[in-house]
Amino acid sequence: MEKDIFFNVADIVKRAKRVLNFKTDADLAAYLGVSRSTLSNWIARNSIDFPLLLSKMKDVDYNWLLVGKGTPMSHLQSYHSELATGNVEIIHNSKTPDAMKDRSVVLYDITAAANLRTLLANKHQFVMGRIQIPSIPVCDGALYISGDSMYPILKSGDIVGFKEMNSFSNVIYGEMYLVSFDIDGDEYLAVKYVNRSEQEGCIKLVSYNPHHEPMDVPFASIQAMAIVKFSIRKNMMM
């Protein structure tokens, strides 16, 4: 289970039941493949198995499901096609220089992998398709993000392209990263700016959204990191 201090699990459960047209928690628990008591514990602890929930609700707008913003049905529900098509707006480029040219990028399913370390170690298992985007930097892949910690630079449902970091000692402070880390046995995946920390042996993860406080994470707790090379906001053509 993944604890999260930003989400209200009781509200998430209500929205899940609403969009699935379920009247009881027992109906939702059966759909998720867990017991009614497990679902009750999630609500009581404000902790939920996000990978399981999101894997069962891929056609639902994650931003709406998790924080109640937007509309229930995702405009990205066609993303399982072999080639993602549509109007693409590049909304972020890494500050680090890189050669640019037209190329395709593999799109991965991070919800199936559950964390960045697993995805990077077994990339072929989590391929969803490829996207063809002009004038982007060299990168190792792309994935959909969820959450609002980088809003409005990034929105839930945006795609980020990433390049894996083989050594955490090569961190470029001030850049945006995907960071997979462990705290007290709970795994987290964050998209944050990485800054220097005043605490020895740590990095500071900083959100763009002022409602999210910066946090210091020990290097020893970090499982995987990837620098964000670009992000795009994609409106699917119907």
C-alpha atoms as a PDB file:
ATOM      1  CA  MET A   1       0.000   0.000   0.000  1.00  0.00           C
ATOM      2  CA  GLU A   2       1.226   3.512  -0.689  1.00  0.00           C
ATOM      3  CA  LYS A   3       0.573   6.248   1.832  1.00  0.00           C
ATOM      4  CA  ASP A   4      -0.069   9.682   0.434  1.00  0.00           C
ATOM      5  CA  ILE A   5      -0.416  12.875   2.422  1.00  0.00           C
ATOM      6  CA  PHE A   6      -1.929  14.843  -0.465  1.00  0.00           C
ATOM      7  CA  PHE A   7      -4.930  12.695  -1.401  1.00  0.00           C
ATOM      8  CA  ASN A   8      -8.167  11.982   0.447  1.00  0.00           C
ATOM      9  CA  VAL A   9      -8.813   8.281  -0.051  1.00  0.00           C
ATOM     10  CA  ALA A  10     -12.445   8.492   1.085  1.00  0.00           C
ATOM     11  CA  ASP A  11     -13.136  11.029  -1.683  1.00  0.00           C
ATOM     12  CA  ILE A  12     -11.222   8.930  -4.226  1.00  0.00           C
ATOM     13  CA  VAL A  13     -13.380   5.918  -3.345  1.00  0.00           C
ATOM     14  CA  LYS A  14     -16.548   7.990  -3.737  1.00  0.00           C
ATOM     15  CA  ARG A  15     -15.469   9.201  -7.170  1.00  0.00           C
ATOM     16  CA  ALA A  16     -14.491   5.678  -8.229  1.00  0.00           C
ATOM     17  CA  LYS A  17     -17.916   4.342  -7.236  1.00  0.00           C
ATOM     18  CA  ARG A  18     -19.613   7.224  -9.037  1.00  0.00           C
ATOM     19  CA  VAL A  19     -17.849   6.765 -12.353  1.00  0.00           C
ATOM     20  CA  LEU A  20     -18.264   2.975 -12.233  1.00  0.00           C
ATOM     21  CA  ASN A  21     -21.914   3.315 -11.201  1.00  0.00           C
ATOM     22  CA  PHE A  22     -21.376   1.267  -8.031  1.00  0.00           C
ATOM     23  CA  LYS A  23     -23.626   1.908  -5.057  1.00  0.00           C
ATOM     24  CA  THR A  24     -21.602   0.236  -2.293  1.00  0.00           C
ATOM     25  CA  ASP A  25     -18.002  -0.099  -1.178  1.00  0.00           C
ATOM     26  CA  ALA A  26     -18.405  -3.869  -1.491  1.00  0.00           C
ATOM     27  CA  ASP A  27     -19.106  -3.467  -5.231  1.00  0.00           C
ATOM     28  CA  LEU A  28     -15.917  -1.437  -5.693  1.00  0.00           C
ATOM     29  CA  ALA A  29     -13.855  -3.846  -3.584  1.00  0.00           C
ATOM     30  CA  ALA A  30     -15.020  -6.777  -5.709  1.00  0.00           C
ATOM     31  CA  TYR A  31     -14.146  -4.871  -8.888  1.00  0.00           C
ATOM     32  CA  LEU A  32     -10.646  -4.156  -7.555  1.00  0.00           C
ATOM     33  CA  GLY A  33     -10.218  -7.759  -6.421  1.00  0.00           C
ATOM     34  CA  VAL A  34      -9.788  -6.965  -2.724  1.00  0.00           C
ATOM     35  CA  SER A  35     -11.906  -7.622   0.350  1.00  0.00           C
ATOM     36  CA  ARG A  36     -14.438  -5.157   1.733  1.00  0.00           C
ATOM     37  CA  SER A  37     -12.346  -4.893   4.924  1.00  0.00           C
ATOM     38  CA  THR A  38      -9.234  -4.012   2.899  1.00  0.00           C
ATOM     39  CA  LEU A  39     -11.076  -1.137   1.240  1.00  0.00           C
ATOM     40  CA  SER A  40     -12.325   0.033   4.646  1.00  0.00           C
ATOM     41  CA  ASN A  41      -8.755  -0.032   5.991  1.00  0.00           C
ATOM     42  CA  TRP A  42      -7.569   2.072   3.043  1.00  0.00           C
ATOM     43  CA  ILE A  43     -10.177   4.696   3.861  1.00  0.00           C
ATOM     44  CA  ALA A  44      -9.421   4.635   7.590  1.00  0.00           C
ATOM     45  CA  ARG A  45      -5.650   4.931   7.037  1.00  0.00           C
ATOM     46  CA  ASN A  46      -5.924   7.328   4.078  1.00  0.00           C
ATOM     47  CA  SER A  47      -3.686   4.867   2.230  1.00  0.00           C
ATOM     48  CA  ILE A  48      -4.548   3.068  -0.988  1.00  0.00           C
ATOM     49  CA  ASP A  49      -2.916   0.772  -3.546  1.00  0.00           C
ATOM     50  CA  PHE A  50      -2.611   3.385  -6.286  1.00  0.00           C
ATOM     51  CA  PRO A  51      -1.081   1.057  -8.937  1.00  0.00           C
ATOM     52  CA  LEU A  52      -4.005  -1.357  -8.508  1.00  0.00           C
ATOM     53  CA  LEU A  53      -6.617   1.392  -8.565  1.00  0.00           C
ATOM     54  CA  LEU A  54      -5.227   3.156 -11.624  1.00  0.00           C
ATOM     55  CA  SER A  55      -4.683  -0.094 -13.546  1.00  0.00           C
ATOM     56  CA  LYS A  56      -8.396  -0.841 -13.125  1.00  0.00           C
ATOM     57  CA  MET A  57      -9.500   2.647 -14.167  1.00  0.00           C
ATOM     58  CA  LYS A  58      -7.396   3.500 -17.202  1.00  0.00           C
ATOM     59  CA  ASP A  59     -10.264   5.209 -19.033  1.00  0.00           C
ATOM     60  CA  VAL A  60     -10.891   7.604 -16.157  1.00  0.00           C
ATOM     61  CA  ASP A  61      -9.194  10.998 -15.940  1.00  0.00           C
ATOM     62  CA  TYR A  62      -6.647  10.476 -13.145  1.00  0.00           C
ATOM     63  CA  ASN A  63      -6.682  14.166 -12.236  1.00  0.00           C
ATOM     64  CA  TRP A  64     -10.428  13.954 -11.603  1.00  0.00           C
ATOM     65  CA  LEU A  65     -10.207  10.604  -9.831  1.00  0.00           C
ATOM     66  CA  LEU A  66      -7.408  11.616  -7.464  1.00  0.00           C
ATOM     67  CA  VAL A  67      -8.092  15.289  -6.761  1.00  0.00           C
ATOM     68  CA  GLY A  68     -11.568  15.931  -8.196  1.00  0.00           C
ATOM     69  CA  LYS A  69     -10.464  18.366 -10.898  1.00  0.00           C
ATOM     70  CA  GLY A  70     -11.695  18.242 -14.490  1.00  0.00           C
ATOM     71  CA  THR A  71     -14.159  15.677 -15.813  1.00  0.00           C
ATOM     72  CA  PRO A  72     -14.408  11.926 -15.115  1.00  0.00           C
ATOM     73  CA  MET A  73     -13.613  10.488 -18.527  1.00  0.00           C
ATOM     74  CA  SER A  74     -10.055  10.839 -19.762  1.00  0.00           C
ATOM     75  CA  HIS A  75      -9.351  12.420 -23.127  1.00  0.00           C
ATOM     76  CA  LEU A  76      -6.396  10.017 -23.208  1.00  0.00           C
ATOM     77  CA  GLN A  77      -8.429   6.822 -23.207  1.00  0.00           C
ATOM     78  CA  SER A  78      -7.160   5.862 -26.670  1.00  0.00           C
ATOM     79  CA  TYR A  79      -3.512   5.797 -25.599  1.00  0.00           C
ATOM     80  CA  HIS A  80      -3.214   2.027 -26.010  1.00  0.00           C
ATOM     81  CA  SER A  81      -3.010   2.427 -29.787  1.00  0.00           C
ATOM     82  CA  GLU A  82       0.307   1.349 -31.276  1.00  0.00           C
ATOM     83  CA  LEU A  83       1.087   4.919 -32.335  1.00  0.00           C
ATOM     84  CA  ALA A  84      -0.279   7.805 -30.313  1.00  0.00           C
ATOM     85  CA  THR A  85      -1.605  10.514 -32.610  1.00  0.00           C
ATOM     86  CA  GLY A  86      -2.933  14.001 -32.085  1.00  0.00           C
ATOM     87  CA  ASN A  87      -1.912  17.599 -31.577  1.00  0.00           C
ATOM     88  CA  VAL A  88       1.212  17.820 -29.455  1.00  0.00           C
ATOM     89  CA  GLU A  89       2.369  20.878 -27.550  1.00  0.00           C
ATOM     90  CA  ILE A  90       5.845  20.721 -26.059  1.00  0.00           C
ATOM     91  CA  ILE A  91       5.531  22.414 -22.673  1.00  0.00           C
ATOM     92  CA  HIS A  92       8.908  21.681 -21.100  1.00  0.00           C
ATOM     93  CA  ASN A  93      12.440  21.141 -22.369  1.00  0.00           C
ATOM     94  CA  SER A  94      15.416  20.264 -20.234  1.00  0.00           C
ATOM     95  CA  LYS A  95      17.903  23.076 -19.741  1.00  0.00           C
ATOM     96  CA  THR A  96      20.751  20.718 -20.568  1.00  0.00           C
ATOM     97  CA  PRO A  97      21.842  20.895 -24.225  1.00  0.00           C
ATOM     98  CA  ASP A  98      21.111  17.927 -26.436  1.00  0.00           C
ATOM     99  CA  ALA A  99      20.984  17.156 -30.152  1.00  0.00           C
ATOM    100  CA  MET A 100      17.486  17.534 -31.614  1.00  0.00           C
ATOM    101  CA  LYS A 101      15.905  15.656 -34.492  1.00  0.00           C
ATOM    102  CA  ASP A 102      12.731  13.781 -35.395  1.00  0.00           C
ATOM    103  CA  ARG A 103      12.486  10.421 -33.655  1.00  0.00           C
ATOM    104  CA  SER A 104      10.079   8.024 -32.041  1.00  0.00           C
ATOM    105  CA  VAL A 105       9.960   7.373 -28.311  1.00  0.00           C
ATOM    106  CA  VAL A 106       8.771   4.254 -26.498  1.00  0.00           C
ATOM    107  CA  LEU A 107       5.803   4.939 -24.219  1.00  0.00           C
ATOM    108  CA  TYR A 108       5.803   2.856 -21.019  1.00  0.00           C
ATOM    109  CA  ASP A 109       3.062   1.956 -18.535  1.00  0.00           C
ATOM    110  CA  ILE A 110       4.343   3.120 -15.148  1.00  0.00           C
ATOM    111  CA  THR A 111       1.146   2.008 -13.371  1.00  0.00           C
ATOM    112  CA  ALA A 112       1.821  -1.602 -14.378  1.00  0.00           C
ATOM    113  CA  ALA A 113       5.466  -1.350 -13.288  1.00  0.00           C
ATOM    114  CA  ALA A 114       4.441   0.250  -9.958  1.00  0.00           C
ATOM    115  CA  ASN A 115       7.780   2.061  -9.602  1.00  0.00           C
ATOM    116  CA  LEU A 116      10.546   3.522 -11.743  1.00  0.00           C
ATOM    117  CA  ARG A 117      13.198   1.014 -10.702  1.00  0.00           C
ATOM    118  CA  THR A 118      11.077  -1.933 -11.865  1.00  0.00           C
ATOM    119  CA  LEU A 119      10.247  -0.204 -15.131  1.00  0.00           C
ATOM    120  CA  LEU A 120      13.876   0.605 -15.936  1.00  0.00           C
ATOM    121  CA  ALA A 121      14.998  -2.946 -15.110  1.00  0.00           C
ATOM    122  CA  ASN A 122      12.302  -4.632 -17.244  1.00  0.00           C
ATOM    123  CA  LYS A 123      11.407  -2.088 -19.905  1.00  0.00           C
ATOM    124  CA  HIS A 124      10.215  -4.595 -22.510  1.00  0.00           C
ATOM    125  CA  GLN A 125       7.459  -5.820 -20.167  1.00  0.00           C
ATOM    126  CA  PHE A 126       5.795  -2.414 -19.879  1.00  0.00           C
ATOM    127  CA  VAL A 127       5.769  -1.093 -23.465  1.00  0.00           C
ATOM    128  CA  MET A 128       2.452   0.488 -24.435  1.00  0.00           C
ATOM    129  CA  GLY A 129       3.473   1.705 -27.890  1.00  0.00           C
ATOM    130  CA  ARG A 130       5.541   4.399 -29.545  1.00  0.00           C
ATOM    131  CA  ILE A 131       4.987   8.093 -30.093  1.00  0.00           C
ATOM    132  CA  GLN A 132       6.493  10.083 -32.946  1.00  0.00           C
ATOM    133  CA  ILE A 133       7.349  13.629 -31.946  1.00  0.00           C
ATOM    134  CA  PRO A 134       9.430  16.135 -33.911  1.00  0.00           C
ATOM    135  CA  SER A 135      12.387  17.993 -32.412  1.00  0.00           C
ATOM    136  CA  ILE A 136      12.839  16.272 -29.064  1.00  0.00           C
ATOM    137  CA  PRO A 137      16.004  15.383 -27.147  1.00  0.00           C
ATOM    138  CA  VAL A 138      17.460  11.902 -26.974  1.00  0.00           C
ATOM    139  CA  CYS A 139      15.784   9.998 -24.146  1.00  0.00           C
ATOM    140  CA  ASP A 140      15.197   6.459 -22.872  1.00  0.00           C
ATOM    141  CA  GLY A 141      11.415   6.542 -22.986  1.00  0.00           C
ATOM    142  CA  ALA A 142       8.246   8.354 -21.958  1.00  0.00           C
ATOM    143  CA  LEU A 143       5.376   7.809 -19.550  1.00  0.00           C
ATOM    144  CA  TYR A 144       2.129   9.383 -18.372  1.00  0.00           C
ATOM    145  CA  ILE A 145       2.184  11.198 -15.045  1.00  0.00           C
ATOM    146  CA  SER A 146      -0.491  11.742 -12.411  1.00  0.00           C
ATOM    147  CA  GLY A 147      -0.874  14.194  -9.568  1.00  0.00           C
ATOM    148  CA  ASP A 148      -0.710  17.984  -9.332  1.00  0.00           C
ATOM    149  CA  SER A 149       2.607  18.702  -7.580  1.00  0.00           C
ATOM    150  CA  MET A 150       4.043  20.378 -10.708  1.00  0.00           C
ATOM    151  CA  TYR A 151       0.804  22.116 -11.769  1.00  0.00           C
ATOM    152  CA  PRO A 152       0.455  24.124 -13.977  1.00  0.00           C
ATOM    153  CA  ILE A 153       3.770  23.223 -15.657  1.00  0.00           C
ATOM    154  CA  LEU A 154       2.624  19.604 -15.671  1.00  0.00           C
ATOM    155  CA  LYS A 155      -0.928  18.304 -15.397  1.00  0.00           C
ATOM    156  CA  SER A 156      -2.148  14.805 -14.634  1.00  0.00           C
ATOM    157  CA  GLY A 157      -2.189  12.962 -17.964  1.00  0.00           C
ATOM    158  CA  ASP A 158       0.775  14.814 -19.472  1.00  0.00           C
ATOM    159  CA  ILE A 159       3.582  12.771 -21.006  1.00  0.00           C
ATOM    160  CA  VAL A 160       7.179  13.199 -19.890  1.00  0.00           C
ATOM    161  CA  GLY A 161      10.234  11.936 -21.729  1.00  0.00           C
ATOM    162  CA  PHE A 162      13.077  10.774 -19.510  1.00  0.00           C
ATOM    163  CA  LYS A 163      16.710   9.713 -19.552  1.00  0.00           C
ATOM    164  CA  GLU A 164      17.873   7.273 -16.894  1.00  0.00           C
ATOM    165  CA  MET A 165      20.519   8.381 -14.381  1.00  0.00           C
ATOM    166  CA  ASN A 166      23.183   5.720 -13.931  1.00  0.00           C
ATOM    167  CA  SER A 167      24.791   7.569 -11.043  1.00  0.00           C
ATOM    168  CA  PHE A 168      23.042   9.782  -8.504  1.00  0.00           C
ATOM    169  CA  SER A 169      26.281  11.701  -8.076  1.00  0.00           C
ATOM    170  CA  ASN A 170      25.720  13.249 -11.515  1.00  0.00           C
ATOM    171  CA  VAL A 171      22.541  15.082 -10.500  1.00  0.00           C
ATOM    172  CA  ILE A 172      22.122  18.465 -12.192  1.00  0.00           C
ATOM    173  CA  TYR A 173      20.550  20.647  -9.518  1.00  0.00           C
ATOM    174  CA  GLY A 174      17.647  22.789 -10.645  1.00  0.00           C
ATOM    175  CA  GLU A 175      16.462  20.263 -13.253  1.00  0.00           C
ATOM    176  CA  MET A 176      13.220  18.288 -13.203  1.00  0.00           C
ATOM    177  CA  TYR A 177      13.505  14.573 -12.390  1.00  0.00           C
ATOM    178  CA  LEU A 178      11.477  11.437 -11.937  1.00  0.00           C
ATOM    179  CA  VAL A 179      12.543  10.150  -8.522  1.00  0.00           C
ATOM    180  CA  SER A 180      11.601   6.746  -7.124  1.00  0.00           C
ATOM    181  CA  PHE A 181      12.299   6.433  -3.403  1.00  0.00           C
ATOM    182  CA  ASP A 182      11.418   4.463  -0.296  1.00  0.00           C
ATOM    183  CA  ILE A 183      10.418   5.846   3.097  1.00  0.00           C
ATOM    184  CA  ASP A 184       9.701   3.427   5.961  1.00  0.00           C
ATOM    185  CA  GLY A 185       8.922   0.633   3.504  1.00  0.00           C
ATOM    186  CA  ASP A 186       6.523   2.697   1.379  1.00  0.00           C
ATOM    187  CA  GLU A 187       7.473   3.387  -2.236  1.00  0.00           C
ATOM    188  CA  TYR A 188       6.910   6.754  -3.895  1.00  0.00           C
ATOM    189  CA  LEU A 189       7.371   8.089  -7.410  1.00  0.00           C
ATOM    190  CA  ALA A 190       7.636  11.851  -7.711  1.00  0.00           C
ATOM    191  CA  VAL A 191       8.118  14.336 -10.538  1.00  0.00           C
ATOM    192  CA  LYS A 192       9.973  17.233  -8.921  1.00  0.00           C
ATOM    193  CA  TYR A 193      12.705  19.786  -9.291  1.00  0.00           C
ATOM    194  CA  VAL A 194      15.850  18.517  -7.575  1.00  0.00           C
ATOM    195  CA  ASN A 195      17.761  21.076  -5.524  1.00  0.00           C
ATOM    196  CA  ARG A 196      20.624  20.915  -3.051  1.00  0.00           C
ATOM    197  CA  SER A 197      19.597  20.055   0.484  1.00  0.00           C
ATOM    198  CA  GLU A 198      20.841  21.644   3.670  1.00  0.00           C
ATOM    199  CA  GLN A 199      20.789  18.142   5.182  1.00  0.00           C
ATOM    200  CA  GLU A 200      23.918  16.101   4.559  1.00  0.00           C
ATOM    201  CA  GLY A 201      23.410  13.062   2.330  1.00  0.00           C
ATOM    202  CA  CYS A 202      20.062  14.306   1.019  1.00  0.00           C
ATOM    203  CA  ILE A 203      18.529  16.023  -1.980  1.00  0.00           C
ATOM    204  CA  LYS A 204      15.623  18.440  -1.806  1.00  0.00           C
ATOM    205  CA  LEU A 205      12.563  17.632  -3.934  1.00  0.00           C
ATOM    206  CA  VAL A 206      10.678  20.806  -4.819  1.00  0.00           C
ATOM    207  CA  SER A 207       7.207  21.099  -6.360  1.00  0.00           C
ATOM    208  CA  TYR A 208       6.068  23.922  -8.621  1.00  0.00           C
ATOM    209  CA  ASN A 209       2.641  23.827  -6.969  1.00  0.00           C
ATOM    210  CA  PRO A 210       2.971  25.920  -3.761  1.00  0.00           C
ATOM    211  CA  HIS A 211       0.481  23.657  -1.953  1.00  0.00           C
ATOM    212  CA  HIS A 212       3.144  20.927  -1.869  1.00  0.00           C
ATOM    213  CA  GLU A 213       5.942  21.426   0.632  1.00  0.00           C
ATOM    214  CA  PRO A 214       9.580  20.698  -0.337  1.00  0.00           C
ATOM    215  CA  MET A 215      10.981  17.494   1.122  1.00  0.00           C
ATOM    216  CA  ASP A 216      14.482  16.264   1.850  1.00  0.00           C
ATOM    217  CA  VAL A 217      15.134  12.682   0.741  1.00  0.00           C
ATOM    218  CA  PRO A 218      18.292  10.743   1.675  1.00  0.00           C
ATOM    219  CA  PHE A 219      20.322   9.469  -1.268  1.00  0.00           C
ATOM    220  CA  ALA A 220      20.234   6.060   0.448  1.00  0.00           C
ATOM    221  CA  SER A 221      16.433   5.965   0.054  1.00  0.00           C
ATOM    222  CA  ILE A 222      16.477   6.665  -3.689  1.00  0.00           C
ATOM    223  CA  GLN A 223      15.855   3.601  -5.843  1.00  0.00           C
ATOM    224  CA  ALA A 224      16.002   5.195  -9.295  1.00  0.00           C
ATOM    225  CA  MET A 225      16.205   8.590 -10.952  1.00  0.00           C
ATOM    226  CA  ALA A 226      15.626   9.852 -14.473  1.00  0.00           C
ATOM    227  CA  ILE A 227      16.011  13.394 -15.723  1.00  0.00           C
ATOM    228  CA  VAL A 228      12.962  14.818 -17.489  1.00  0.00           C
ATOM    229  CA  LYS A 229      14.053  15.744 -21.008  1.00  0.00           C
ATOM    230  CA  PHE A 230      10.698  17.057 -22.234  1.00  0.00           C
ATOM    231  CA  SER A 231       6.996  17.047 -21.449  1.00  0.00           C
ATOM    232  CA  ILE A 232       4.022  17.288 -23.764  1.00  0.00           C
ATOM    233  CA  ARG A 233       0.306  17.931 -23.459  1.00  0.00           C
ATOM    234  CA  LYS A 234      -1.564  15.861 -26.001  1.00  0.00           C
ATOM    235  CA  ASN A 235      -5.140  16.369 -27.215  1.00  0.00           C
ATOM    236  CA  MET A 236      -6.346  13.248 -29.005  1.00  0.00           C
ATOM    237  CA  MET A 237      -8.035  13.658 -32.377  1.00  0.00           C
ATOM    238  CA  MET A 238     -11.494  12.110 -32.382  1.00  0.00           C
END
